[in-house]
C-alpha cells in the first residue's frame, strides 16, 4: 500500500522575510552561504527574500532559520532584531505530525 508524502507549506509574510533578510545582512552572511549551509537550492534565498513565492516548503525554511539561529548565537545581534527573529521562529514552528493512517 503506497503512502502519500504531502509537502507541508508555510505562508511567510513580507515582514517575516524582511526580518530574516535583515538578520542575514547584519550577520554578514551572503545568500550563497545560507543556501550552502542550509542545503537548499541555488537562488532559494533570492526567491525567498523577494517574496516571489508566498508559500514555501516548511522543511527548507526551517533549515534556513536554523542556520540563521546558529550564526546569531555565535555573533552578537542587535537588541530588537532577535525579538523579531524569535517571532519568525515561532511562526515557522516545528514539523507537524503526519495525519496519515495506516
PDB file of N, CA and C in Angstrom:
ATOM      1  N   UNK A   1       0.837  -1.168   0.000  1.00  0.00           N
ATOM      2  CA  UNK A   1       0.000   0.000   0.000  1.00  0.00           C
ATOM      3  C   UNK A   1       0.887   1.238   0.000  1.00  0.00           C
ATOM      4  N   UNK A   2       0.691   2.094  -0.950  1.00  0.00           N
ATOM      5  CA  UNK A   2       1.510   3.292  -1.086  1.00  0.00           C
ATOM      6  C   UNK A   2       1.034   4.379  -0.127  1.00  0.00           C
ATOM      7  N   UNK A   3       1.990   5.082   0.423  1.00  0.00           N
ATOM      8  CA  UNK A   3       1.650   6.209   1.290  1.00  0.00           C
ATOM      9  C   UNK A   3       1.999   7.497   0.574  1.00  0.00           C
ATOM     10  N   UNK A   4       1.156   8.482   0.719  1.00  0.00           N
ATOM     11  CA  UNK A   4       1.430   9.762   0.078  1.00  0.00           C
ATOM     12  C   UNK A   4       2.245  10.624   1.030  1.00  0.00           C
ATOM     13  N   UNK A   5       3.213  11.318   0.475  1.00  0.00           N
ATOM     14  CA  UNK A   5       4.031  12.216   1.277  1.00  0.00           C
ATOM     15  C   UNK A   5       3.708  13.638   0.846  1.00  0.00           C
ATOM     16  N   UNK A   6       2.789  14.243   1.545  1.00  0.00           N
ATOM     17  CA  UNK A   6       2.387  15.604   1.223  1.00  0.00           C
ATOM     18  C   UNK A   6       3.443  16.575   1.732  1.00  0.00           C
ATOM     19  N   UNK A   7       3.738  17.559   0.945  1.00  0.00           N
ATOM     20  CA  UNK A   7       4.707  18.574   1.308  1.00  0.00           C
ATOM     21  C   UNK A   7       4.005  19.625   2.147  1.00  0.00           C
ATOM     22  N   UNK A   8       4.571  19.918   3.303  1.00  0.00           N
ATOM     23  CA  UNK A   8       3.999  20.942   4.169  1.00  0.00           C
ATOM     24  C   UNK A   8       4.474  22.314   3.688  1.00  0.00           C
ATOM     25  N   UNK A   9       3.527  23.206   3.445  1.00  0.00           N
ATOM     26  CA  UNK A   9       3.846  24.560   3.002  1.00  0.00           C
ATOM     27  C   UNK A   9       3.524  25.546   4.111  1.00  0.00           C
ATOM     28  N   UNK A  10       4.341  26.586   4.222  1.00  0.00           N
ATOM     29  CA  UNK A  10       4.130  27.630   5.218  1.00  0.00           C
ATOM     30  C   UNK A  10       4.031  28.965   4.498  1.00  0.00           C
ATOM     31  N   UNK A  11       2.995  29.730   4.827  1.00  0.00           N
ATOM     32  CA  UNK A  11       2.854  31.082   4.297  1.00  0.00           C
ATOM     33  C   UNK A  11       3.765  32.002   5.105  1.00  0.00           C
ATOM     34  N   UNK A  12       4.597  32.771   4.411  1.00  0.00           N
ATOM     35  CA  UNK A  12       5.549  33.657   5.077  1.00  0.00           C
ATOM     36  C   UNK A  12       5.228  35.087   4.659  1.00  0.00           C
ATOM     37  N   UNK A  13       4.997  35.947   5.647  1.00  0.00           N
ATOM     38  CA  UNK A  13       4.660  37.338   5.357  1.00  0.00           C
ATOM     39  C   UNK A  13       5.885  38.103   4.868  1.00  0.00           C
ATOM     40  N   UNK A  14       5.648  39.223   4.209  1.00  0.00           N
ATOM     41  CA  UNK A  14       6.751  40.060   3.749  1.00  0.00           C
ATOM     42  C   UNK A  14       7.550  40.611   4.922  1.00  0.00           C
ATOM     43  N   UNK A  15       6.875  40.881   6.039  1.00  0.00           N
ATOM     44  CA  UNK A  15       7.557  41.362   7.234  1.00  0.00           C
ATOM     45  C   UNK A  15       8.529  40.306   7.770  1.00  0.00           C
ATOM     46  N   UNK A  16       8.107  39.058   7.803  1.00  0.00           N
ATOM     47  CA  UNK A  16       8.982  37.978   8.266  1.00  0.00           C
ATOM     48  C   UNK A  16      10.168  37.796   7.325  1.00  0.00           C
ATOM     49  N   UNK A  17       9.926  37.939   6.046  1.00  0.00           N
ATOM     50  CA  UNK A  17      11.009  37.840   5.066  1.00  0.00           C
ATOM     51  C   UNK A  17      12.022  38.959   5.283  1.00  0.00           C
ATOM     52  N   UNK A  18      11.522  40.157   5.586  1.00  0.00           N
ATOM     53  CA  UNK A  18      12.397  41.296   5.833  1.00  0.00           C
ATOM     54  C   UNK A  18      13.247  41.065   7.071  1.00  0.00           C
ATOM     55  N   UNK A  19      12.638  40.515   8.116  1.00  0.00           N
ATOM     56  CA  UNK A  19      13.375  40.240   9.353  1.00  0.00           C
ATOM     57  C   UNK A  19      14.518  39.262   9.085  1.00  0.00           C
ATOM     58  N   UNK A  20      14.242  38.204   8.354  1.00  0.00           N
ATOM     59  CA  UNK A  20      15.287  37.222   8.057  1.00  0.00           C
ATOM     60  C   UNK A  20      16.378  37.820   7.171  1.00  0.00           C
ATOM     61  N   UNK A  21      15.990  38.644   6.206  1.00  0.00           N
ATOM     62  CA  UNK A  21      16.988  39.299   5.349  1.00  0.00           C
ATOM     63  C   UNK A  21      17.858  40.255   6.168  1.00  0.00           C
ATOM     64  N   UNK A  22      17.227  41.055   7.043  1.00  0.00           N
ATOM     65  CA  UNK A  22      17.977  41.996   7.875  1.00  0.00           C
ATOM     66  C   UNK A  22      18.950  41.267   8.790  1.00  0.00           C
ATOM     67  N   UNK A  23      18.518  40.158   9.361  1.00  0.00           N
ATOM     68  CA  UNK A  23      19.407  39.385  10.230  1.00  0.00           C
ATOM     69  C   UNK A  23      20.569  38.824   9.429  1.00  0.00           C
ATOM     70  N   UNK A  24      20.279  38.295   8.255  1.00  0.00           N
ATOM     71  CA  UNK A  24      21.339  37.750   7.399  1.00  0.00           C
ATOM     72  C   UNK A  24      22.366  38.823   7.080  1.00  0.00           C
ATOM     73  N   UNK A  25      21.889  39.998   6.737  1.00  0.00           N
ATOM     74  CA  UNK A  25      22.803  41.086   6.385  1.00  0.00           C
ATOM     75  C   UNK A  25      23.576  41.571   7.613  1.00  0.00           C
ATOM     76  N   UNK A  26      22.926  41.641   8.753  1.00  0.00           N
ATOM     77  CA  UNK A  26      23.579  42.075   9.983  1.00  0.00           C
ATOM     78  C   UNK A  26      24.680  41.097  10.379  1.00  0.00           C
ATOM     79  N   UNK A  27      24.452  39.827  10.134  1.00  0.00           N
ATOM     80  CA  UNK A  27      25.443  38.807  10.452  1.00  0.00           C
ATOM     81  C   UNK A  27      26.557  38.735   9.407  1.00  0.00           C
ATOM     82  N   UNK A  28      26.372  39.446   8.301  1.00  0.00           N
ATOM     83  CA  UNK A  28      27.388  39.468   7.260  1.00  0.00           C
ATOM     84  C   UNK A  28      27.448  38.204   6.431  1.00  0.00           C
ATOM     85  N   UNK A  29      26.322  37.529   6.306  1.00  0.00           N
ATOM     86  CA  UNK A  29      26.270  36.286   5.532  1.00  0.00           C
ATOM     87  C   UNK A  29      25.670  36.546   4.161  1.00  0.00           C
ATOM     88  N   UNK A  30      26.264  35.937   3.154  1.00  0.00           N
ATOM     89  CA  UNK A  30      25.723  36.075   1.803  1.00  0.00           C
ATOM     90  C   UNK A  30      24.578  35.096   1.601  1.00  0.00           C
ATOM     91  N   UNK A  31      23.817  35.334   0.556  1.00  0.00           N
ATOM     92  CA  UNK A  31      22.734  34.404   0.215  1.00  0.00           C
ATOM     93  C   UNK A  31      23.307  33.021  -0.077  1.00  0.00           C
ATOM     94  N   UNK A  32      24.407  33.007  -0.806  1.00  0.00           N
ATOM     95  CA  UNK A  32      25.031  31.734  -1.190  1.00  0.00           C
ATOM     96  C   UNK A  32      25.488  30.951   0.039  1.00  0.00           C
ATOM     97  N   UNK A  33      26.009  31.645   1.036  1.00  0.00           N
ATOM     98  CA  UNK A  33      26.455  30.976   2.258  1.00  0.00           C
ATOM     99  C   UNK A  33      25.286  30.308   2.965  1.00  0.00           C
ATOM    100  N   UNK A  34      24.172  31.025   3.082  1.00  0.00           N
ATOM    101  CA  UNK A  34      22.983  30.467   3.723  1.00  0.00           C
ATOM    102  C   UNK A  34      22.481  29.268   2.926  1.00  0.00           C
ATOM    103  N   UNK A  35      22.424  29.404   1.609  1.00  0.00           N
ATOM    104  CA  UNK A  35      21.943  28.307   0.761  1.00  0.00           C
ATOM    105  C   UNK A  35      22.816  27.065   0.927  1.00  0.00           C
ATOM    106  N   UNK A  36      24.119  27.267   1.010  1.00  0.00           N
ATOM    107  CA  UNK A  36      25.037  26.135   1.144  1.00  0.00           C
ATOM    108  C   UNK A  36      24.896  25.482   2.516  1.00  0.00           C
ATOM    109  N   UNK A  37      24.861  26.281   3.582  1.00  0.00           N
ATOM    110  CA  UNK A  37      24.781  25.722   4.934  1.00  0.00           C
ATOM    111  C   UNK A  37      23.438  25.042   5.201  1.00  0.00           C
ATOM    112  N   UNK A  38      22.368  25.602   4.634  1.00  0.00           N
ATOM    113  CA  UNK A  38      21.032  25.036   4.855  1.00  0.00           C
ATOM    114  C   UNK A  38      20.705  23.933   3.855  1.00  0.00           C
ATOM    115  N   UNK A  39      21.579  23.740   2.885  1.00  0.00           N
ATOM    116  CA  UNK A  39      21.369  22.728   1.845  1.00  0.00           C
ATOM    117  C   UNK A  39      20.034  22.912   1.118  1.00  0.00           C
ATOM    118  N   UNK A  40      19.802  24.146   0.704  1.00  0.00           N
ATOM    119  CA  UNK A  40      18.643  24.445  -0.135  1.00  0.00           C
ATOM    120  C   UNK A  40      19.189  24.766  -1.522  1.00  0.00           C
ATOM    121  N   UNK A  41      18.339  24.885  -2.477  1.00  0.00           N
ATOM    122  CA  UNK A  41      18.789  25.094  -3.843  1.00  0.00           C
ATOM    123  C   UNK A  41      19.412  26.454  -4.099  1.00  0.00           C
ATOM    124  N   UNK A  42      20.109  26.533  -5.222  1.00  0.00           N
ATOM    125  CA  UNK A  42      20.683  27.797  -5.663  1.00  0.00           C
ATOM    126  C   UNK A  42      19.532  28.763  -5.946  1.00  0.00           C
ATOM    127  N   UNK A  43      19.693  29.991  -5.565  1.00  0.00           N
ATOM    128  CA  UNK A  43      18.710  31.073  -5.722  1.00  0.00           C
ATOM    129  C   UNK A  43      17.513  30.943  -4.790  1.00  0.00           C
ATOM    130  N   UNK A  44      17.534  30.004  -3.861  1.00  0.00           N
ATOM    131  CA  UNK A  44      16.424  29.862  -2.906  1.00  0.00           C
ATOM    132  C   UNK A  44      16.240  31.148  -2.108  1.00  0.00           C
ATOM    133  N   UNK A  45      17.354  31.699  -1.610  1.00  0.00           N
ATOM    134  CA  UNK A  45      17.267  32.905  -0.781  1.00  0.00           C
ATOM    135  C   UNK A  45      16.781  34.100  -1.593  1.00  0.00           C
ATOM    136  N   UNK A  46      17.179  34.173  -2.844  1.00  0.00           N
ATOM    137  CA  UNK A  46      16.722  35.274  -3.691  1.00  0.00           C
ATOM    138  C   UNK A  46      15.207  35.205  -3.860  1.00  0.00           C
ATOM    139  N   UNK A  47      14.692  34.027  -4.136  1.00  0.00           N
ATOM    140  CA  UNK A  47      13.249  33.859  -4.301  1.00  0.00           C
ATOM    141  C   UNK A  47      12.526  34.068  -2.974  1.00  0.00           C
ATOM    142  N   UNK A  48      13.127  33.593  -1.884  1.00  0.00           N
ATOM    143  CA  UNK A  48      12.526  33.751  -0.564  1.00  0.00           C
ATOM    144  C   UNK A  48      12.440  35.229  -0.183  1.00  0.00           C
ATOM    145  N   UNK A  49      13.556  35.947  -0.265  1.00  0.00           N
ATOM    146  CA  UNK A  49      13.597  37.343   0.163  1.00  0.00           C
ATOM    147  C   UNK A  49      12.760  38.253  -0.719  1.00  0.00           C
ATOM    148  N   UNK A  50      12.637  37.920  -1.994  1.00  0.00           N
ATOM    149  CA  UNK A  50      11.858  38.757  -2.902  1.00  0.00           C
ATOM    150  C   UNK A  50      10.356  38.559  -2.728  1.00  0.00           C
ATOM    151  N   UNK A  51       9.969  37.469  -2.084  1.00  0.00           N
ATOM    152  CA  UNK A  51       8.549  37.192  -1.905  1.00  0.00           C
ATOM    153  C   UNK A  51       7.910  36.624  -3.149  1.00  0.00           C
ATOM    154  N   UNK A  52       8.732  36.087  -4.031  1.00  0.00           N
ATOM    155  CA  UNK A  52       8.229  35.542  -5.293  1.00  0.00           C
ATOM    156  C   UNK A  52       7.219  34.426  -5.059  1.00  0.00           C
ATOM    157  N   UNK A  53       7.464  33.635  -4.014  1.00  0.00           N
ATOM    158  CA  UNK A  53       6.537  32.558  -3.685  1.00  0.00           C
ATOM    159  C   UNK A  53       5.947  32.846  -2.308  1.00  0.00           C
ATOM    160  N   UNK A  54       4.638  33.017  -2.195  1.00  0.00           N
ATOM    161  CA  UNK A  54       4.048  33.352  -0.894  1.00  0.00           C
ATOM    162  C   UNK A  54       4.070  32.198   0.101  1.00  0.00           C
ATOM    163  N   UNK A  55       4.105  30.969  -0.396  1.00  0.00           N
ATOM    164  CA  UNK A  55       4.141  29.795   0.490  1.00  0.00           C
ATOM    165  C   UNK A  55       5.384  28.995   0.140  1.00  0.00           C
ATOM    166  N   UNK A  56       6.098  28.569   1.188  1.00  0.00           N
ATOM    167  CA  UNK A  56       7.354  27.859   0.982  1.00  0.00           C
ATOM    168  C   UNK A  56       7.329  26.501   1.654  1.00  0.00           C
ATOM    169  N   UNK A  57       8.151  25.602   1.149  1.00  0.00           N
ATOM    170  CA  UNK A  57       8.269  24.273   1.742  1.00  0.00           C
ATOM    171  C   UNK A  57       8.834  24.418   3.154  1.00  0.00           C
ATOM    172  N   UNK A  58       8.135  23.858   4.120  1.00  0.00           N
ATOM    173  CA  UNK A  58       8.456  24.043   5.532  1.00  0.00           C
ATOM    174  C   UNK A  58       9.836  23.504   5.894  1.00  0.00           C
ATOM    175  N   UNK A  59      10.213  22.379   5.365  1.00  0.00           N
ATOM    176  CA  UNK A  59      11.493  21.765   5.720  1.00  0.00           C
ATOM    177  C   UNK A  59      12.660  22.663   5.345  1.00  0.00           C
ATOM    178  N   UNK A  60      12.632  23.196   4.146  1.00  0.00           N
ATOM    179  CA  UNK A  60      13.721  24.070   3.698  1.00  0.00           C
ATOM    180  C   UNK A  60      13.747  25.368   4.499  1.00  0.00           C
ATOM    181  N   UNK A  61      12.582  25.918   4.743  1.00  0.00           N
ATOM    182  CA  UNK A  61      12.507  27.156   5.503  1.00  0.00           C
ATOM    183  C   UNK A  61      13.044  26.958   6.917  1.00  0.00           C
ATOM    184  N   UNK A  62      12.712  25.845   7.531  1.00  0.00           N
ATOM    185  CA  UNK A  62      13.215  25.564   8.887  1.00  0.00           C
ATOM    186  C   UNK A  62      14.733  25.423   8.893  1.00  0.00           C
ATOM    187  N   UNK A  63      15.297  24.847   7.848  1.00  0.00           N
ATOM    188  CA  UNK A  63      16.761  24.725   7.776  1.00  0.00           C
ATOM    189  C   UNK A  63      17.414  26.101   7.659  1.00  0.00           C
ATOM    190  N   UNK A  64      16.816  26.994   6.879  1.00  0.00           N
ATOM    191  CA  UNK A  64      17.343  28.359   6.754  1.00  0.00           C
ATOM    192  C   UNK A  64      17.286  29.069   8.103  1.00  0.00           C
ATOM    193  N   UNK A  65      16.160  28.953   8.797  1.00  0.00           N
ATOM    194  CA  UNK A  65      16.005  29.586  10.110  1.00  0.00           C
ATOM    195  C   UNK A  65      17.021  29.010  11.093  1.00  0.00           C
ATOM    196  N   UNK A  66      17.253  27.716  11.041  1.00  0.00           N
ATOM    197  CA  UNK A  66      18.215  27.084  11.940  1.00  0.00           C
ATOM    198  C   UNK A  66      19.629  27.610  11.687  1.00  0.00           C
ATOM    199  N   UNK A  67      20.006  27.774  10.431  1.00  0.00           N
ATOM    200  CA  UNK A  67      21.330  28.306  10.096  1.00  0.00           C
ATOM    201  C   UNK A  67      21.471  29.721  10.633  1.00  0.00           C
ATOM    202  N   UNK A  68      20.430  30.539  10.486  1.00  0.00           N
ATOM    203  CA  UNK A  68      20.476  31.907  11.000  1.00  0.00           C
ATOM    204  C   UNK A  68      20.539  31.927  12.528  1.00  0.00           C
ATOM    205  N   UNK A  69      19.818  31.010  13.176  1.00  0.00           N
ATOM    206  CA  UNK A  69      19.868  30.914  14.635  1.00  0.00           C
ATOM    207  C   UNK A  69      21.284  30.590  15.100  1.00  0.00           C
ATOM    208  N   UNK A  70      21.922  29.645  14.456  1.00  0.00           N
ATOM    209  CA  UNK A  70      23.276  29.254  14.844  1.00  0.00           C
ATOM    210  C   UNK A  70      24.263  30.396  14.642  1.00  0.00           C
ATOM    211  N   UNK A  71      24.130  31.108  13.521  1.00  0.00           N
ATOM    212  CA  UNK A  71      25.034  32.226  13.247  1.00  0.00           C
ATOM    213  C   UNK A  71      24.802  33.370  14.233  1.00  0.00           C
ATOM    214  N   UNK A  72      23.541  33.628  14.583  1.00  0.00           N
ATOM    215  CA  UNK A  72      23.230  34.692  15.534  1.00  0.00           C
ATOM    216  C   UNK A  72      23.740  34.344  16.927  1.00  0.00           C
ATOM    217  N   UNK A  73      23.717  33.075  17.270  1.00  0.00           N
ATOM    218  CA  UNK A  73      24.214  32.646  18.582  1.00  0.00           C
ATOM    219  C   UNK A  73      25.727  32.839  18.669  1.00  0.00           C
ATOM    220  N   UNK A  74      26.419  32.640  17.559  1.00  0.00           N
ATOM    221  CA  UNK A  74      27.866  32.812  17.545  1.00  0.00           C
ATOM    222  C   UNK A  74      28.268  34.283  17.605  1.00  0.00           C
ATOM    223  N   UNK A  75      27.445  35.137  17.006  1.00  0.00           N
ATOM    224  CA  UNK A  75      27.750  36.572  16.951  1.00  0.00           C
ATOM    225  C   UNK A  75      26.716  37.332  17.753  1.00  0.00           C
ATOM    226  N   UNK A  76      27.042  38.572  18.056  1.00  0.00           N
ATOM    227  CA  UNK A  76      26.107  39.405  18.812  1.00  0.00           C
ATOM    228  C   UNK A  76      25.232  40.157  17.809  1.00  0.00           C
ATOM    229  N   UNK A  77      23.931  39.968  17.875  1.00  0.00           N
ATOM    230  CA  UNK A  77      22.992  40.676  17.005  1.00  0.00           C
ATOM    231  C   UNK A  77      22.391  41.846  17.779  1.00  0.00           C
ATOM    232  N   UNK A  78      21.816  42.819  17.073  1.00  0.00           N
ATOM    233  CA  UNK A  78      21.237  43.970  17.761  1.00  0.00           C
ATOM    234  C   UNK A  78      20.068  43.537  18.641  1.00  0.00           C
ATOM    235  N   UNK A  79      19.693  44.376  19.593  1.00  0.00           N
ATOM    236  CA  UNK A  79      18.712  44.000  20.622  1.00  0.00           C
ATOM    237  C   UNK A  79      17.314  43.750  20.064  1.00  0.00           C
ATOM    238  N   UNK A  80      16.843  44.571  19.142  1.00  0.00           N
ATOM    239  CA  UNK A  80      15.457  44.419  18.685  1.00  0.00           C
ATOM    240  C   UNK A  80      15.302  43.375  17.588  1.00  0.00           C
ATOM    241  N   UNK A  81      16.347  43.065  16.859  1.00  0.00           N
ATOM    242  CA  UNK A  81      16.228  42.078  15.788  1.00  0.00           C
ATOM    243  C   UNK A  81      15.980  40.670  16.317  1.00  0.00           C
ATOM    244  N   UNK A  82      16.674  40.215  17.348  1.00  0.00           N
ATOM    245  CA  UNK A  82      16.370  38.873  17.844  1.00  0.00           C
ATOM    246  C   UNK A  82      14.927  38.714  18.324  1.00  0.00           C
ATOM    247  N   UNK A  83      14.320  39.777  18.843  1.00  0.00           N
ATOM    248  CA  UNK A  83      12.916  39.694  19.266  1.00  0.00           C
ATOM    249  C   UNK A  83      12.032  39.432  18.048  1.00  0.00           C
ATOM    250  N   UNK A  84      12.294  40.155  16.956  1.00  0.00           N
ATOM    251  CA  UNK A  84      11.547  39.913  15.719  1.00  0.00           C
ATOM    252  C   UNK A  84      11.853  38.527  15.167  1.00  0.00           C
ATOM    253  N   UNK A  85      13.120  38.138  15.281  1.00  0.00           N
ATOM    254  CA  UNK A  85      13.522  36.825  14.789  1.00  0.00           C
ATOM    255  C   UNK A  85      12.838  35.719  15.582  1.00  0.00           C
ATOM    256  N   UNK A  86      12.701  35.922  16.884  1.00  0.00           N
ATOM    257  CA  UNK A  86      12.012  34.927  17.728  1.00  0.00           C
ATOM    258  C   UNK A  86      10.567  34.757  17.279  1.00  0.00           C
ATOM    259  N   UNK A  87       9.932  35.837  16.841  1.00  0.00           N
ATOM    260  CA  UNK A  87       8.566  35.765  16.333  1.00  0.00           C
ATOM    261  C   UNK A  87       8.519  34.924  15.059  1.00  0.00           C
ATOM    262  N   UNK A  88       9.503  35.101  14.195  1.00  0.00           N
ATOM    263  CA  UNK A  88       9.560  34.334  12.947  1.00  0.00           C
ATOM    264  C   UNK A  88       9.795  32.860  13.254  1.00  0.00           C
ATOM    265  N   UNK A  89      10.698  32.583  14.201  1.00  0.00           N
ATOM    266  CA  UNK A  89      10.973  31.190  14.570  1.00  0.00           C
ATOM    267  C   UNK A  89       9.705  30.526  15.083  1.00  0.00           C
ATOM    268  N   UNK A  90       8.945  31.246  15.880  1.00  0.00           N
ATOM    269  CA  UNK A  90       7.689  30.699  16.400  1.00  0.00           C
ATOM    270  C   UNK A  90       6.684  30.456  15.274  1.00  0.00           C
ATOM    271  N   UNK A  91       6.642  31.376  14.304  1.00  0.00           N
ATOM    272  CA  UNK A  91       5.715  31.231  13.174  1.00  0.00           C
ATOM    273  C   UNK A  91       6.069  30.025  12.315  1.00  0.00           C
ATOM    274  N   UNK A  92       7.359  29.802  12.126  1.00  0.00           N
ATOM    275  CA  UNK A  92       7.798  28.657  11.319  1.00  0.00           C
ATOM    276  C   UNK A  92       7.511  27.367  12.069  1.00  0.00           C
ATOM    277  N   UNK A  93       7.771  27.368  13.369  1.00  0.00           N
ATOM    278  CA  UNK A  93       7.399  26.252  14.233  1.00  0.00           C
ATOM    279  C   UNK A  93       8.101  24.956  13.938  1.00  0.00           C
ATOM    280  N   UNK A  94       7.654  23.950  14.623  1.00  0.00           N
ATOM    281  CA  UNK A  94       8.184  22.602  14.484  1.00  0.00           C
ATOM    282  C   UNK A  94       7.363  21.834  13.454  1.00  0.00           C
ATOM    283  N   UNK A  95       7.939  20.792  12.911  1.00  0.00           N
ATOM    284  CA  UNK A  95       7.177  19.992  11.939  1.00  0.00           C
ATOM    285  C   UNK A  95       5.900  19.433  12.572  1.00  0.00           C
ATOM    286  N   UNK A  96       4.844  19.466  11.794  1.00  0.00           N
ATOM    287  CA  UNK A  96       3.584  18.925  12.261  1.00  0.00           C
ATOM    288  C   UNK A  96       3.571  17.427  12.046  1.00  0.00           C
ATOM    289  N   UNK A  97       2.917  16.721  12.942  1.00  0.00           N
ATOM    290  CA  UNK A  97       2.833  15.272  12.798  1.00  0.00           C
ATOM    291  C   UNK A  97       1.909  14.928  11.637  1.00  0.00           C
ATOM    292  N   UNK A  98       2.294  13.936  10.922  1.00  0.00           N
ATOM    293  CA  UNK A  98       1.513  13.492   9.781  1.00  0.00           C
ATOM    294  C   UNK A  98       0.216  12.863  10.257  1.00  0.00           C
ATOM    295  N   UNK A  99      -0.840  13.113   9.516  1.00  0.00           N
ATOM    296  CA  UNK A  99      -2.136  12.529   9.887  1.00  0.00           C
ATOM    297  C   UNK A  99      -2.472  11.336   9.000  1.00  0.00           C
ATOM    298  N   UNK A 100      -1.447  10.736   8.386  1.00  0.00           N
ATOM    299  CA  UNK A 100      -1.660   9.573   7.533  1.00  0.00           C
ATOM    300  C   UNK A 100      -1.932   8.362   8.412  1.00  0.00           C
ATOM    301  N   UNK A 101      -3.025   7.682   8.141  1.00  0.00           N
ATOM    302  CA  UNK A 101      -3.375   6.468   8.895  1.00  0.00           C
ATOM    303  C   UNK A 101      -2.944   5.249   8.123  1.00  0.00           C
ATOM    304  N   UNK A 102      -2.551   4.251   8.869  1.00  0.00           N
ATOM    305  CA  UNK A 102      -2.110   3.011   8.212  1.00  0.00           C
ATOM    306  C   UNK A 102      -3.074   1.921   8.437  1.00  0.00           C
TER     307      UNK A 102
END
